[in-house]
PDB file of all heavy atoms in Angstrom:
ATOM      1  N   ASN A   1      92.375  87.418 110.867  1.00  0.00           N
ATOM      2  CA  ASN A   1      93.733  87.631 111.368  1.00  0.00           C
ATOM      3  C   ASN A   1      94.809  87.634 110.279  1.00  0.00           C
ATOM      4  O   ASN A   1      95.978  87.839 110.574  1.00  0.00           O
ATOM      5  CB  ASN A   1      94.068  86.540 112.391  1.00  0.00           C
ATOM      6  CG  ASN A   1      93.116  86.547 113.566  1.00  0.00           C
ATOM      7  OD1 ASN A   1      93.058  87.514 114.320  1.00  0.00           O
ATOM      8  ND2 ASN A   1      92.344  85.472 113.723  1.00  0.00           N
ATOM      9  N   ILE A   2      94.410  87.371 109.044  1.00  0.00           N
ATOM     10  CA  ILE A   2      95.385  87.216 107.962  1.00  0.00           C
ATOM     11  C   ILE A   2      95.218  88.328 106.934  1.00  0.00           C
ATOM     12  O   ILE A   2      94.098  88.617 106.502  1.00  0.00           O
ATOM     13  CB  ILE A   2      95.240  85.842 107.283  1.00  0.00           C
ATOM     14  CG1 ILE A   2      95.482  84.727 108.304  1.00  0.00           C
ATOM     15  CG2 ILE A   2      96.213  85.707 106.114  1.00  0.00           C
ATOM     16  CD1 ILE A   2      95.307  83.329 107.750  1.00  0.00           C
ATOM     17  N   ASN A   3      96.322  88.951 106.564  1.00  0.00           N
ATOM     18  CA  ASN A   3      96.339  89.992 105.544  1.00  0.00           C
ATOM     19  C   ASN A   3      97.115  89.523 104.326  1.00  0.00           C
ATOM     20  O   ASN A   3      97.916  88.600 104.404  1.00  0.00           O
ATOM     21  CB  ASN A   3      96.973  91.274 106.092  1.00  0.00           C
ATOM     22  CG  ASN A   3      96.090  91.982 107.092  1.00  0.00           C
ATOM     23  OD1 ASN A   3      95.910  91.520 108.210  1.00  0.00           O
ATOM     24  ND2 ASN A   3      95.535  93.102 106.690  1.00  0.00           N
ATOM     25  N   VAL A   4      96.868  90.203 103.219  1.00  0.00           N
ATOM     26  CA  VAL A   4      97.651  89.952 102.014  1.00  0.00           C
ATOM     27  C   VAL A   4      98.573  91.151 101.812  1.00  0.00           C
ATOM     28  O   VAL A   4      98.173  92.305 102.014  1.00  0.00           O
ATOM     29  CB  VAL A   4      96.736  89.735 100.784  1.00  0.00           C
ATOM     30  CG1 VAL A   4      95.893  90.970 100.488  1.00  0.00           C
ATOM     31  CG2 VAL A   4      97.561  89.344  99.562  1.00  0.00           C
ATOM     32  N   LEU A   5      99.817  90.882 101.482  1.00  0.00           N
ATOM     33  CA  LEU A   5     100.752  91.963 101.168  1.00  0.00           C
ATOM     34  C   LEU A   5     100.359  92.553  99.820  1.00  0.00           C
ATOM     35  O   LEU A   5     100.260  91.842  98.830  1.00  0.00           O
ATOM     36  CB  LEU A   5     102.185  91.424 101.126  1.00  0.00           C
ATOM     37  CG  LEU A   5     103.288  92.450 100.858  1.00  0.00           C
ATOM     38  CD1 LEU A   5     103.313  93.530 101.936  1.00  0.00           C
ATOM     39  CD2 LEU A   5     104.651  91.759 100.774  1.00  0.00           C
ATOM     40  N   GLU A   6     100.124  93.852  99.793  1.00  0.00           N
ATOM     41  CA  GLU A   6      99.637  94.492  98.576  1.00  0.00           C
ATOM     42  C   GLU A   6     100.702  94.514  97.481  1.00  0.00           C
ATOM     43  O   GLU A   6     101.901  94.461  97.747  1.00  0.00           O
ATOM     44  CB  GLU A   6      99.183  95.926  98.867  1.00  0.00           C
ATOM     45  CG  GLU A   6      98.042  96.045  99.861  1.00  0.00           C
ATOM     46  CD  GLU A   6      98.537  96.458 101.228  1.00  0.00           C
ATOM     47  OE1 GLU A   6      99.498  95.836 101.725  1.00  0.00           O
ATOM     48  OE2 GLU A   6      97.957  97.399 101.798  1.00  0.00           O
ATOM     49  N   ALA A   7     100.222  94.601  96.258  1.00  0.00           N
ATOM     50  CA  ALA A   7     101.124  94.724  95.111  1.00  0.00           C
ATOM     51  C   ALA A   7     101.993  95.964  95.254  1.00  0.00           C
ATOM     52  O   ALA A   7     101.550  97.005  95.746  1.00  0.00           O
ATOM     53  CB  ALA A   7     100.301  94.807  93.824  1.00  0.00           C
ATOM     54  N   GLY A   8     103.254  95.848  94.839  1.00  0.00           N
ATOM     55  CA  GLY A   8     104.158  96.989  94.891  1.00  0.00           C
ATOM     56  C   GLY A   8     104.573  97.392  96.290  1.00  0.00           C
ATOM     57  O   GLY A   8     105.004  98.524  96.511  1.00  0.00           O
ATOM     58  N   HIS A   9     104.474  96.480  97.245  1.00  0.00           N
ATOM     59  CA  HIS A   9     104.836  96.755  98.635  1.00  0.00           C
ATOM     60  C   HIS A   9     105.835  95.730  99.152  1.00  0.00           C
ATOM     61  O   HIS A   9     105.953  94.632  98.604  1.00  0.00           O
ATOM     62  CB  HIS A   9     103.602  96.709  99.545  1.00  0.00           C
ATOM     63  CG  HIS A   9     102.701  97.893  99.436  1.00  0.00           C
ATOM     64  ND1 HIS A   9     101.918  98.122  98.327  1.00  0.00           N
ATOM     65  CD2 HIS A   9     102.444  98.918 100.308  1.00  0.00           C
ATOM     66  CE1 HIS A   9     101.207  99.233  98.507  1.00  0.00           C
ATOM     67  NE2 HIS A   9     101.511  99.726  99.703  1.00  0.00           N
ATOM     68  N   TYR A  10     106.518  96.103 100.210  1.00  0.00           N
ATOM     69  CA  TYR A  10     107.309  95.136 100.961  1.00  0.00           C
ATOM     70  C   TYR A  10     107.209  95.440 102.450  1.00  0.00           C
ATOM     71  O   TYR A  10     106.967  96.579 102.855  1.00  0.00           O
ATOM     72  CB  TYR A  10     108.773  95.118 100.496  1.00  0.00           C
ATOM     73  CG  TYR A  10     109.586  96.350 100.791  1.00  0.00           C
ATOM     74  CD1 TYR A  10     110.242  96.513 102.012  1.00  0.00           C
ATOM     75  CD2 TYR A  10     109.755  97.350  99.824  1.00  0.00           C
ATOM     76  CE1 TYR A  10     111.001  97.641 102.274  1.00  0.00           C
ATOM     77  CE2 TYR A  10     110.514  98.476 100.081  1.00  0.00           C
ATOM     78  CZ  TYR A  10     111.131  98.618 101.299  1.00  0.00           C
ATOM     79  OH  TYR A  10     111.888  99.743 101.564  1.00  0.00           O
ATOM     80  N   LEU A  11     107.350  94.387 103.244  1.00  0.00           N
ATOM     81  CA  LEU A  11     107.443  94.516 104.687  1.00  0.00           C
ATOM     82  C   LEU A  11     108.902  94.422 105.089  1.00  0.00           C
ATOM     83  O   LEU A  11     109.636  93.571 104.566  1.00  0.00           O
ATOM     84  CB  LEU A  11     106.682  93.400 105.408  1.00  0.00           C
ATOM     85  CG  LEU A  11     105.160  93.401 105.452  1.00  0.00           C
ATOM     86  CD1 LEU A  11     104.677  92.249 106.324  1.00  0.00           C
ATOM     87  CD2 LEU A  11     104.605  94.705 105.968  1.00  0.00           C
ATOM     88  N   VAL A  12     109.328  95.255 106.003  1.00  0.00           N
ATOM     89  CA  VAL A  12     110.665  95.132 106.567  1.00  0.00           C
ATOM     90  C   VAL A  12     110.513  94.970 108.078  1.00  0.00           C
ATOM     91  O   VAL A  12     109.816  95.746 108.740  1.00  0.00           O
ATOM     92  CB  VAL A  12     111.558  96.352 106.215  1.00  0.00           C
ATOM     93  CG1 VAL A  12     110.910  97.668 106.626  1.00  0.00           C
ATOM     94  CG2 VAL A  12     112.927  96.214 106.870  1.00  0.00           C
ATOM     95  N   VAL A  13     111.127  93.917 108.593  1.00  0.00           N
ATOM     96  CA  VAL A  13     111.046  93.586 110.013  1.00  0.00           C
ATOM     97  C   VAL A  13     112.416  93.812 110.634  1.00  0.00           C
ATOM     98  O   VAL A  13     113.400  93.182 110.214  1.00  0.00           O
ATOM     99  CB  VAL A  13     110.610  92.120 110.221  1.00  0.00           C
ATOM    100  CG1 VAL A  13     110.464  91.821 111.709  1.00  0.00           C
ATOM    101  CG2 VAL A  13     109.307  91.838 109.478  1.00  0.00           C
ATOM    102  N   ASP A  14     112.487  94.701 111.584  1.00  0.00           N
ATOM    103  CA  ASP A  14     113.724  94.954 112.326  1.00  0.00           C
ATOM    104  C   ASP A  14     113.717  94.042 113.546  1.00  0.00           C
ATOM    105  O   ASP A  14     112.966  94.269 114.498  1.00  0.00           O
ATOM    106  CB  ASP A  14     113.810  96.422 112.737  1.00  0.00           C
ATOM    107  CG  ASP A  14     115.172  96.793 113.311  1.00  0.00           C
ATOM    108  OD1 ASP A  14     115.751  95.969 114.052  1.00  0.00           O
ATOM    109  OD2 ASP A  14     115.655  97.903 113.030  1.00  0.00           O
ATOM    110  N   LEU A  15     114.539  93.005 113.547  1.00  0.00           N
ATOM    111  CA  LEU A  15     114.520  92.018 114.619  1.00  0.00           C
ATOM    112  C   LEU A  15     115.100  92.556 115.922  1.00  0.00           C
ATOM    113  O   LEU A  15     114.819  92.009 116.990  1.00  0.00           O
ATOM    114  CB  LEU A  15     115.271  90.752 114.198  1.00  0.00           C
ATOM    115  CG  LEU A  15     114.427  89.700 113.467  1.00  0.00           C
ATOM    116  CD1 LEU A  15     114.008  90.200 112.100  1.00  0.00           C
ATOM    117  CD2 LEU A  15     115.165  88.391 113.336  1.00  0.00           C
ATOM    118  N   GLN A  16     115.922  93.597 115.842  1.00  0.00           N
ATOM    119  CA  GLN A  16     116.460  94.185 117.062  1.00  0.00           C
ATOM    120  C   GLN A  16     115.425  95.054 117.761  1.00  0.00           C
ATOM    121  O   GLN A  16     115.260  94.973 118.980  1.00  0.00           O
ATOM    122  CB  GLN A  16     117.714  95.004 116.744  1.00  0.00           C
ATOM    123  CG  GLN A  16     118.936  94.150 116.423  1.00  0.00           C
ATOM    124  CD  GLN A  16     120.191  94.984 116.249  1.00  0.00           C
ATOM    125  OE1 GLN A  16     120.170  96.027 115.608  1.00  0.00           O
ATOM    126  NE2 GLN A  16     121.292  94.512 116.809  1.00  0.00           N
ATOM    127  N   ASN A  17     114.728  95.886 116.999  1.00  0.00           N
ATOM    128  CA  ASN A  17     113.732  96.789 117.584  1.00  0.00           C
ATOM    129  C   ASN A  17     112.333  96.187 117.605  1.00  0.00           C
ATOM    130  O   ASN A  17     111.408  96.798 118.142  1.00  0.00           O
ATOM    131  CB  ASN A  17     113.715  98.107 116.808  1.00  0.00           C
ATOM    132  CG  ASN A  17     115.044  98.819 116.851  1.00  0.00           C
ATOM    133  OD1 ASN A  17     115.769  98.730 117.839  1.00  0.00           O
ATOM    134  ND2 ASN A  17     115.389  99.510 115.775  1.00  0.00           N
ATOM    135  N   LYS A  18     112.183  95.002 116.976  1.00  0.00           N
ATOM    136  CA  LYS A  18     110.878  94.315 116.904  1.00  0.00           C
ATOM    137  C   LYS A  18     109.833  95.184 116.223  1.00  0.00           C
ATOM    138  O   LYS A  18     108.648  95.196 116.596  1.00  0.00           O
ATOM    139  CB  LYS A  18     110.412  93.891 118.297  1.00  0.00           C
ATOM    140  CG  LYS A  18     111.392  92.981 119.030  1.00  0.00           C
ATOM    141  CD  LYS A  18     110.877  92.616 120.404  1.00  0.00           C
ATOM    142  CE  LYS A  18     111.829  91.683 121.132  1.00  0.00           C
ATOM    143  NZ  LYS A  18     113.150  92.265 121.354  1.00  0.00           N
ATOM    144  N   GLU A  19     110.242  95.909 115.213  1.00  0.00           N
ATOM    145  CA  GLU A  19     109.336  96.786 114.469  1.00  0.00           C
ATOM    146  C   GLU A  19     109.042  96.208 113.091  1.00  0.00           C
ATOM    147  O   GLU A  19     109.931  95.660 112.436  1.00  0.00           O
ATOM    148  CB  GLU A  19     109.948  98.184 114.319  1.00  0.00           C
ATOM    149  CG  GLU A  19     110.120  98.927 115.632  1.00  0.00           C
ATOM    150  CD  GLU A  19     110.767 100.291 115.447  1.00  0.00           C
ATOM    151  OE1 GLU A  19     111.299 100.559 114.353  1.00  0.00           O
ATOM    152  OE2 GLU A  19     110.748 101.070 116.424  1.00  0.00           O
ATOM    153  N   ILE A  20     107.792  96.352 112.674  1.00  0.00           N
ATOM    154  CA  ILE A  20     107.387  95.945 111.336  1.00  0.00           C
ATOM    155  C   ILE A  20     106.909  97.176 110.588  1.00  0.00           C
ATOM    156  O   ILE A  20     106.044  97.913 111.071  1.00  0.00           O
ATOM    157  CB  ILE A  20     106.255  94.895 111.379  1.00  0.00           C
ATOM    158  CG1 ILE A  20     106.693  93.653 112.153  1.00  0.00           C
ATOM    159  CG2 ILE A  20     105.830  94.516 109.966  1.00  0.00           C
ATOM    160  CD1 ILE A  20     105.600  92.612 112.290  1.00  0.00           C
ATOM    161  N   LYS A  21     107.479  97.411 109.431  1.00  0.00           N
ATOM    162  CA  LYS A  21     107.117  98.571 108.632  1.00  0.00           C
ATOM    163  C   LYS A  21     106.751  98.120 107.222  1.00  0.00           C
ATOM    164  O   LYS A  21     107.449  97.309 106.629  1.00  0.00           O
ATOM    165  CB  LYS A  21     108.288  99.568 108.581  1.00  0.00           C
ATOM    166  CG  LYS A  21     107.980 100.860 107.839  1.00  0.00           C
ATOM    167  CD  LYS A  21     109.191 101.789 107.849  1.00  0.00           C
ATOM    168  CE  LYS A  21     108.912 103.077 107.103  1.00  0.00           C
ATOM    169  NZ  LYS A  21     110.109 103.965 107.076  1.00  0.00           N
ATOM    170  N   LYS A  22     105.646  98.652 106.708  1.00  0.00           N
ATOM    171  CA  LYS A  22     105.238  98.345 105.337  1.00  0.00           C
ATOM    172  C   LYS A  22     105.586  99.519 104.440  1.00  0.00           C
ATOM    173  O   LYS A  22     105.258 100.665 104.745  1.00  0.00           O
ATOM    174  CB  LYS A  22     103.738  98.039 105.279  1.00  0.00           C
ATOM    175  CG  LYS A  22     103.257  97.646 103.898  1.00  0.00           C
ATOM    176  CD  LYS A  22     101.898  96.951 103.934  1.00  0.00           C
ATOM    177  CE  LYS A  22     100.819  97.812 104.518  1.00  0.00           C
ATOM    178  NZ  LYS A  22      99.489  97.155 104.432  1.00  0.00           N
ATOM    179  N   CYS A  23     106.235  99.247 103.324  1.00  0.00           N
ATOM    180  CA  CYS A  23     106.697 100.296 102.415  1.00  0.00           C
ATOM    181  C   CYS A  23     106.132 100.063 101.013  1.00  0.00           C
ATOM    182  O   CYS A  23     106.089  98.930 100.536  1.00  0.00           O
ATOM    183  CB  CYS A  23     108.224 100.312 102.341  1.00  0.00           C
ATOM    184  SG  CYS A  23     109.044 100.542 103.928  1.00  0.00           S
ATOM    185  N   LYS A  24     105.723 101.144 100.386  1.00  0.00           N
ATOM    186  CA  LYS A  24     105.253 101.088  99.002  1.00  0.00           C
ATOM    187  C   LYS A  24     106.379 101.539  98.094  1.00  0.00           C
ATOM    188  O   LYS A  24     106.883 102.649  98.216  1.00  0.00           O
ATOM    189  CB  LYS A  24     104.038 102.013  98.840  1.00  0.00           C
ATOM    190  CG  LYS A  24     103.360 101.937  97.494  1.00  0.00           C
ATOM    191  CD  LYS A  24     102.097 102.804  97.500  1.00  0.00           C
ATOM    192  CE  LYS A  24     101.319 102.659  96.215  1.00  0.00           C
ATOM    193  NZ  LYS A  24     100.066 103.469  96.254  1.00  0.00           N
TER     194      LYS A  24
END
């Protein structure tokens, strides 16, 4: 159930839309 955030990436969480997006 646990992932590691990859190098050179970030997660952005939109708390209003409840969306999680991973960006390189």
